[in-house]
Amino acid sequence: MKSSKKTSSSFNSELERGNPYLAGILDATVNIIILRDNNKKLLYINKRFSKYFPNYKSIDDFDREHDSISELFD
């Protein structure tokens, strides 16, 4: 079975190109939205996350340091 090696940033770009309406909804919400795949690989963080946690310049920066967003609230 061939595994997908998409990066988080390519997923975001794909979402914006493939379904800009959905990407707009996810980014316009006042809630933080994080999407992970079945292997817990971080796929998407909406713009609200960046507003509350500006020290993470990319999804990959956050993913390297944390397994869950709940770690930020302990």
PDB file of N, CA and C in Angstrom:
ATOM      1  N   MET A   1       0.840  -1.180   0.000  1.00  0.00           N
ATOM      2  CA  MET A   1       0.000   0.000   0.000  1.00  0.00           C
ATOM      3  C   MET A   1       0.884   1.242   0.000  1.00  0.00           C
ATOM      4  N   LYS A   2       0.621   2.147  -0.882  1.00  0.00           N
ATOM      5  CA  LYS A   2       1.398   3.368  -1.006  1.00  0.00           C
ATOM      6  C   LYS A   2       0.889   4.386   0.007  1.00  0.00           C
ATOM      7  N   SER A   3       1.796   4.977   0.750  1.00  0.00           N
ATOM      8  CA  SER A   3       1.366   5.952   1.748  1.00  0.00           C
ATOM      9  C   SER A   3       1.488   7.359   1.187  1.00  0.00           C
ATOM     10  N   SER A   4       0.618   8.217   1.639  1.00  0.00           N
ATOM     11  CA  SER A   4       0.641   9.608   1.216  1.00  0.00           C
ATOM     12  C   SER A   4       1.670  10.358   2.037  1.00  0.00           C
ATOM     13  N   LYS A   5       2.452  11.186   1.377  1.00  0.00           N
ATOM     14  CA  LYS A   5       3.472  11.957   2.078  1.00  0.00           C
ATOM     15  C   LYS A   5       3.174  13.445   1.990  1.00  0.00           C
ATOM     16  N   LYS A   6       1.923  13.804   1.979  1.00  0.00           N
ATOM     17  CA  LYS A   6       1.555  15.209   1.905  1.00  0.00           C
ATOM     18  C   LYS A   6       1.967  15.918   3.181  1.00  0.00           C
ATOM     19  N   THR A   7       2.476  17.116   3.027  1.00  0.00           N
ATOM     20  CA  THR A   7       2.804  17.916   4.195  1.00  0.00           C
ATOM     21  C   THR A   7       1.558  18.660   4.639  1.00  0.00           C
ATOM     22  N   SER A   8       1.624  19.193   5.838  1.00  0.00           N
ATOM     23  CA  SER A   8       0.496  19.953   6.357  1.00  0.00           C
ATOM     24  C   SER A   8       0.210  21.161   5.481  1.00  0.00           C
ATOM     25  N   SER A   9       1.267  21.834   5.041  1.00  0.00           N
ATOM     26  CA  SER A   9       1.054  23.021   4.222  1.00  0.00           C
ATOM     27  C   SER A   9       0.450  22.660   2.875  1.00  0.00           C
ATOM     28  N   SER A  10       0.803  21.502   2.315  1.00  0.00           N
ATOM     29  CA  SER A  10       0.200  21.112   1.037  1.00  0.00           C
ATOM     30  C   SER A  10      -1.273  20.759   1.235  1.00  0.00           C
ATOM     31  N   PHE A  11      -1.626  20.218   2.390  1.00  0.00           N
ATOM     32  CA  PHE A  11      -3.034  19.936   2.680  1.00  0.00           C
ATOM     33  C   PHE A  11      -3.818  21.241   2.721  1.00  0.00           C
ATOM     34  N   ASN A  12      -3.266  22.263   3.386  1.00  0.00           N
ATOM     35  CA  ASN A  12      -3.941  23.558   3.453  1.00  0.00           C
ATOM     36  C   ASN A  12      -4.147  24.137   2.065  1.00  0.00           C
ATOM     37  N   SER A  13      -3.111  24.086   1.238  1.00  0.00           N
ATOM     38  CA  SER A  13      -3.210  24.608  -0.124  1.00  0.00           C
ATOM     39  C   SER A  13      -4.243  23.830  -0.922  1.00  0.00           C
ATOM     40  N   GLU A  14      -4.242  22.524  -0.759  1.00  0.00           N
ATOM     41  CA  GLU A  14      -5.202  21.672  -1.457  1.00  0.00           C
ATOM     42  C   GLU A  14      -6.627  22.001  -1.020  1.00  0.00           C
ATOM     43  N   LEU A  15      -6.823  22.220   0.271  1.00  0.00           N
ATOM     44  CA  LEU A  15      -8.145  22.572   0.786  1.00  0.00           C
ATOM     45  C   LEU A  15      -8.599  23.901   0.189  1.00  0.00           C
ATOM     46  N   GLU A  16      -7.704  24.882   0.173  1.00  0.00           N
ATOM     47  CA  GLU A  16      -8.066  26.196  -0.347  1.00  0.00           C
ATOM     48  C   GLU A  16      -8.381  26.149  -1.840  1.00  0.00           C
ATOM     49  N   ARG A  17      -7.638  25.346  -2.597  1.00  0.00           N
ATOM     50  CA  ARG A  17      -7.893  25.217  -4.041  1.00  0.00           C
ATOM     51  C   ARG A  17      -9.127  24.365  -4.314  1.00  0.00           C
ATOM     52  N   GLY A  18      -9.235  23.249  -3.606  1.00  0.00           N
ATOM     53  CA  GLY A  18     -10.306  22.293  -3.877  1.00  0.00           C
ATOM     54  C   GLY A  18     -11.655  22.724  -3.360  1.00  0.00           C
ATOM     55  N   ASN A  19     -11.677  23.384  -2.229  1.00  0.00           N
ATOM     56  CA  ASN A  19     -12.941  23.798  -1.654  1.00  0.00           C
ATOM     57  C   ASN A  19     -12.744  25.121  -0.916  1.00  0.00           C
ATOM     58  N   PRO A  20     -12.620  26.211  -1.660  1.00  0.00           N
ATOM     59  CA  PRO A  20     -12.385  27.506  -1.009  1.00  0.00           C
ATOM     60  C   PRO A  20     -13.525  27.911  -0.075  1.00  0.00           C
ATOM     61  N   TYR A  21     -14.731  27.451  -0.364  1.00  0.00           N
ATOM     62  CA  TYR A  21     -15.873  27.753   0.498  1.00  0.00           C
ATOM     63  C   TYR A  21     -15.668  27.133   1.877  1.00  0.00           C
ATOM     64  N   LEU A  22     -15.274  25.853   1.918  1.00  0.00           N
ATOM     65  CA  LEU A  22     -15.022  25.173   3.188  1.00  0.00           C
ATOM     66  C   LEU A  22     -13.843  25.814   3.916  1.00  0.00           C
ATOM     67  N   ALA A  23     -12.777  26.108   3.193  1.00  0.00           N
ATOM     68  CA  ALA A  23     -11.615  26.758   3.808  1.00  0.00           C
ATOM     69  C   ALA A  23     -12.022  28.102   4.414  1.00  0.00           C
ATOM     70  N   GLY A  24     -12.869  28.833   3.723  1.00  0.00           N
ATOM     71  CA  GLY A  24     -13.346  30.120   4.232  1.00  0.00           C
ATOM     72  C   GLY A  24     -14.155  29.973   5.508  1.00  0.00           C
ATOM     73  N   ILE A  25     -14.998  28.959   5.566  1.00  0.00           N
ATOM     74  CA  ILE A  25     -15.792  28.703   6.774  1.00  0.00           C
ATOM     75  C   ILE A  25     -14.880  28.344   7.942  1.00  0.00           C
ATOM     76  N   LEU A  26     -13.937  27.445   7.708  1.00  0.00           N
ATOM     77  CA  LEU A  26     -13.030  27.025   8.782  1.00  0.00           C
ATOM     78  C   LEU A  26     -12.208  28.195   9.303  1.00  0.00           C
ATOM     79  N   ASP A  27     -11.789  29.088   8.416  1.00  0.00           N
ATOM     80  CA  ASP A  27     -10.979  30.226   8.837  1.00  0.00           C
ATOM     81  C   ASP A  27     -11.801  31.360   9.432  1.00  0.00           C
ATOM     82  N   ALA A  28     -13.083  31.441   9.116  1.00  0.00           N
ATOM     83  CA  ALA A  28     -13.923  32.532   9.611  1.00  0.00           C
ATOM     84  C   ALA A  28     -14.515  32.261  10.991  1.00  0.00           C
ATOM     85  N   THR A  29     -14.515  31.028  11.426  1.00  0.00           N
ATOM     86  CA  THR A  29     -15.120  30.703  12.715  1.00  0.00           C
ATOM     87  C   THR A  29     -14.331  31.329  13.865  1.00  0.00           C
ATOM     88  N   VAL A  30     -15.011  31.601  14.960  1.00  0.00           N
ATOM     89  CA  VAL A  30     -14.354  32.187  16.128  1.00  0.00           C
ATOM     90  C   VAL A  30     -13.673  31.124  16.985  1.00  0.00           C
ATOM     91  N   ASN A  31     -13.875  29.861  16.637  1.00  0.00           N
ATOM     92  CA  ASN A  31     -13.277  28.756  17.387  1.00  0.00           C
ATOM     93  C   ASN A  31     -11.990  28.285  16.723  1.00  0.00           C
ATOM     94  N   ILE A  32     -11.120  27.715  17.527  1.00  0.00           N
ATOM     95  CA  ILE A  32      -9.915  27.093  16.998  1.00  0.00           C
ATOM     96  C   ILE A  32     -10.305  25.738  16.423  1.00  0.00           C
ATOM     97  N   ILE A  33      -9.860  25.461  15.200  1.00  0.00           N
ATOM     98  CA  ILE A  33     -10.128  24.176  14.557  1.00  0.00           C
ATOM     99  C   ILE A  33      -8.806  23.539  14.176  1.00  0.00           C
ATOM    100  N   ILE A  34      -8.637  22.299  14.604  1.00  0.00           N
ATOM    101  CA  ILE A  34      -7.450  21.516  14.278  1.00  0.00           C
ATOM    102  C   ILE A  34      -7.922  20.196  13.687  1.00  0.00           C
ATOM    103  N   LEU A  35      -7.354  19.830  12.554  1.00  0.00           N
ATOM    104  CA  LEU A  35      -7.694  18.554  11.921  1.00  0.00           C
ATOM    105  C   LEU A  35      -6.467  17.655  11.914  1.00  0.00           C
ATOM    106  N   ARG A  36      -6.662  16.416  12.353  1.00  0.00           N
ATOM    107  CA  ARG A  36      -5.604  15.406  12.324  1.00  0.00           C
ATOM    108  C   ARG A  36      -6.115  14.199  11.547  1.00  0.00           C
ATOM    109  N   ASP A  37      -5.186  13.444  10.952  1.00  0.00           N
ATOM    110  CA  ASP A  37      -5.598  12.226  10.264  1.00  0.00           C
ATOM    111  C   ASP A  37      -5.656  11.071  11.258  1.00  0.00           C
ATOM    112  N   ASN A  38      -5.941   9.871  10.787  1.00  0.00           N
ATOM    113  CA  ASN A  38      -6.068   8.707  11.670  1.00  0.00           C
ATOM    114  C   ASN A  38      -4.766   8.343  12.372  1.00  0.00           C
ATOM    115  N   ASN A  39      -3.647   8.773  11.821  1.00  0.00           N
ATOM    116  CA  ASN A  39      -2.342   8.520  12.441  1.00  0.00           C
ATOM    117  C   ASN A  39      -1.901   9.669  13.333  1.00  0.00           C
ATOM    118  N   LYS A  40      -2.826  10.585  13.607  1.00  0.00           N
ATOM    119  CA  LYS A  40      -2.601  11.754  14.453  1.00  0.00           C
ATOM    120  C   LYS A  40      -1.653  12.774  13.837  1.00  0.00           C
ATOM    121  N   LYS A  41      -1.447  12.682  12.530  1.00  0.00           N
ATOM    122  CA  LYS A  41      -0.649  13.677  11.817  1.00  0.00           C
ATOM    123  C   LYS A  41      -1.483  14.938  11.691  1.00  0.00           C
ATOM    124  N   LEU A  42      -0.914  16.048  12.085  1.00  0.00           N
ATOM    125  CA  LEU A  42      -1.610  17.321  12.018  1.00  0.00           C
ATOM    126  C   LEU A  42      -1.761  17.753  10.562  1.00  0.00           C
ATOM    127  N   LEU A  43      -2.999  18.018  10.152  1.00  0.00           N
ATOM    128  CA  LEU A  43      -3.285  18.366   8.763  1.00  0.00           C
ATOM    129  C   LEU A  43      -3.643  19.830   8.565  1.00  0.00           C
ATOM    130  N   TYR A  44      -4.353  20.404   9.531  1.00  0.00           N
ATOM    131  CA  TYR A  44      -4.885  21.743   9.311  1.00  0.00           C
ATOM    132  C   TYR A  44      -5.095  22.455  10.642  1.00  0.00           C
ATOM    133  N   ILE A  45      -4.744  23.714  10.662  1.00  0.00           N
ATOM    134  CA  ILE A  45      -5.053  24.605  11.782  1.00  0.00           C
ATOM    135  C   ILE A  45      -5.638  25.861  11.163  1.00  0.00           C
ATOM    136  N   ASN A  46      -6.782  26.311  11.666  1.00  0.00           N
ATOM    137  CA  ASN A  46      -7.398  27.492  11.068  1.00  0.00           C
ATOM    138  C   ASN A  46      -6.717  28.778  11.538  1.00  0.00           C
ATOM    139  N   LYS A  47      -7.124  29.883  10.937  1.00  0.00           N
ATOM    140  CA  LYS A  47      -6.485  31.177  11.217  1.00  0.00           C
ATOM    141  C   LYS A  47      -6.704  31.636  12.655  1.00  0.00           C
ATOM    142  N   ARG A  48      -7.775  31.215  13.281  1.00  0.00           N
ATOM    143  CA  ARG A  48      -8.036  31.605  14.675  1.00  0.00           C
ATOM    144  C   ARG A  48      -6.932  31.077  15.589  1.00  0.00           C
ATOM    145  N   PHE A  49      -6.440  29.876  15.308  1.00  0.00           N
ATOM    146  CA  PHE A  49      -5.334  29.312  16.081  1.00  0.00           C
ATOM    147  C   PHE A  49      -4.138  30.258  16.026  1.00  0.00           C
ATOM    148  N   SER A  50      -3.822  30.755  14.843  1.00  0.00           N
ATOM    149  CA  SER A  50      -2.678  31.654  14.673  1.00  0.00           C
ATOM    150  C   SER A  50      -2.857  32.952  15.450  1.00  0.00           C
ATOM    151  N   LYS A  51      -4.086  33.388  15.603  1.00  0.00           N
ATOM    152  CA  LYS A  51      -4.355  34.608  16.364  1.00  0.00           C
ATOM    153  C   LYS A  51      -4.038  34.402  17.850  1.00  0.00           C
ATOM    154  N   TYR A  52      -4.414  33.249  18.389  1.00  0.00           N
ATOM    155  CA  TYR A  52      -4.194  32.969  19.805  1.00  0.00           C
ATOM    156  C   TYR A  52      -2.784  32.478  20.112  1.00  0.00           C
ATOM    157  N   PHE A  53      -2.142  31.861  19.148  1.00  0.00           N
ATOM    158  CA  PHE A  53      -0.804  31.297  19.350  1.00  0.00           C
ATOM    159  C   PHE A  53       0.138  31.755  18.236  1.00  0.00           C
ATOM    160  N   PRO A  54       0.460  33.059  18.201  1.00  0.00           N
ATOM    161  CA  PRO A  54       1.264  33.601  17.097  1.00  0.00           C
ATOM    162  C   PRO A  54       2.720  33.137  17.086  1.00  0.00           C
ATOM    163  N   ASN A  55       3.181  32.540  18.176  1.00  0.00           N
ATOM    164  CA  ASN A  55       4.573  32.088  18.219  1.00  0.00           C
ATOM    165  C   ASN A  55       4.819  30.859  17.346  1.00  0.00           C
ATOM    166  N   TYR A  56       3.761  30.203  16.873  1.00  0.00           N
ATOM    167  CA  TYR A  56       3.913  29.072  15.951  1.00  0.00           C
ATOM    168  C   TYR A  56       3.741  29.601  14.534  1.00  0.00           C
ATOM    169  N   LYS A  57       4.833  29.620  13.792  1.00  0.00           N
ATOM    170  CA  LYS A  57       4.824  30.190  12.444  1.00  0.00           C
ATOM    171  C   LYS A  57       4.197  29.256  11.415  1.00  0.00           C
ATOM    172  N   SER A  58       4.125  27.970  11.749  1.00  0.00           N
ATOM    173  CA  SER A  58       3.539  27.011  10.812  1.00  0.00           C
ATOM    174  C   SER A  58       2.912  25.859  11.589  1.00  0.00           C
ATOM    175  N   ILE A  59       2.129  25.080  10.895  1.00  0.00           N
ATOM    176  CA  ILE A  59       1.533  23.883  11.482  1.00  0.00           C
ATOM    177  C   ILE A  59       2.629  22.937  11.940  1.00  0.00           C
ATOM    178  N   ASP A  60       3.657  22.814  11.124  1.00  0.00           N
ATOM    179  CA  ASP A  60       4.744  21.890  11.450  1.00  0.00           C
ATOM    180  C   ASP A  60       5.479  22.309  12.722  1.00  0.00           C
ATOM    181  N   ASP A  61       5.622  23.626  12.966  1.00  0.00           N
ATOM    182  CA  ASP A  61       6.241  24.100  14.211  1.00  0.00           C
ATOM    183  C   ASP A  61       5.451  23.607  15.416  1.00  0.00           C
ATOM    184  N   PHE A  62       4.143  23.745  15.359  1.00  0.00           N
ATOM    185  CA  PHE A  62       3.297  23.283  16.455  1.00  0.00           C
ATOM    186  C   PHE A  62       3.391  21.773  16.605  1.00  0.00           C
ATOM    187  N   ASP A  63       3.323  21.061  15.499  1.00  0.00           N
ATOM    188  CA  ASP A  63       3.312  19.594  15.517  1.00  0.00           C
ATOM    189  C   ASP A  63       4.611  19.019  16.081  1.00  0.00           C
ATOM    190  N   ARG A  64       5.727  19.681  15.839  1.00  0.00           N
ATOM    191  CA  ARG A  64       7.015  19.210  16.373  1.00  0.00           C
ATOM    192  C   ARG A  64       7.065  19.299  17.899  1.00  0.00           C
ATOM    193  N   GLU A  65       6.398  20.285  18.461  1.00  0.00           N
ATOM    194  CA  GLU A  65       6.479  20.526  19.901  1.00  0.00           C
ATOM    195  C   GLU A  65       5.361  19.885  20.720  1.00  0.00           C
ATOM    196  N   HIS A  66       4.230  19.597  20.091  1.00  0.00           N
ATOM    197  CA  HIS A  66       3.064  19.140  20.850  1.00  0.00           C
ATOM    198  C   HIS A  66       2.355  17.974  20.179  1.00  0.00           C
ATOM    199  N   ASP A  67       1.808  17.098  21.016  1.00  0.00           N
ATOM    200  CA  ASP A  67       0.971  16.003  20.525  1.00  0.00           C
ATOM    201  C   ASP A  67      -0.497  16.402  20.499  1.00  0.00           C
ATOM    202  N   SER A  68      -0.840  17.392  21.310  1.00  0.00           N
ATOM    203  CA  SER A  68      -2.236  17.801  21.423  1.00  0.00           C
ATOM    204  C   SER A  68      -2.305  19.270  21.820  1.00  0.00           C
ATOM    205  N   ILE A  69      -3.349  19.939  21.391  1.00  0.00           N
ATOM    206  CA  ILE A  69      -3.542  21.330  21.786  1.00  0.00           C
ATOM    207  C   ILE A  69      -3.797  21.441  23.286  1.00  0.00           C
ATOM    208  N   SER A  70      -4.281  20.367  23.891  1.00  0.00           N
ATOM    209  CA  SER A  70      -4.565  20.398  25.331  1.00  0.00           C
ATOM    210  C   SER A  70      -3.303  20.662  26.150  1.00  0.00           C
ATOM    211  N   GLU A  71      -2.146  20.362  25.607  1.00  0.00           N
ATOM    212  CA  GLU A  71      -0.890  20.636  26.312  1.00  0.00           C
ATOM    213  C   GLU A  71      -0.694  22.134  26.556  1.00  0.00           C
ATOM    214  N   LEU A  72      -1.305  22.960  25.750  1.00  0.00           N
ATOM    215  CA  LEU A  72      -1.165  24.406  25.904  1.00  0.00           C
ATOM    216  C   LEU A  72      -2.007  24.951  27.050  1.00  0.00           C
ATOM    217  N   PHE A  73      -2.903  24.130  27.572  1.00  0.00           N
ATOM    218  CA  PHE A  73      -3.818  24.587  28.610  1.00  0.00           C
ATOM    219  C   PHE A  73      -3.602  23.901  29.953  1.00  0.00           C
ATOM    220  N   ASP A  74      -2.550  23.125  30.075  1.00  0.00           N
ATOM    221  CA  ASP A  74      -2.277  22.429  31.347  1.00  0.00           C
ATOM    222  C   ASP A  74      -1.749  23.367  32.396  1.00  0.00           C
TER     223      ASP A  74
END
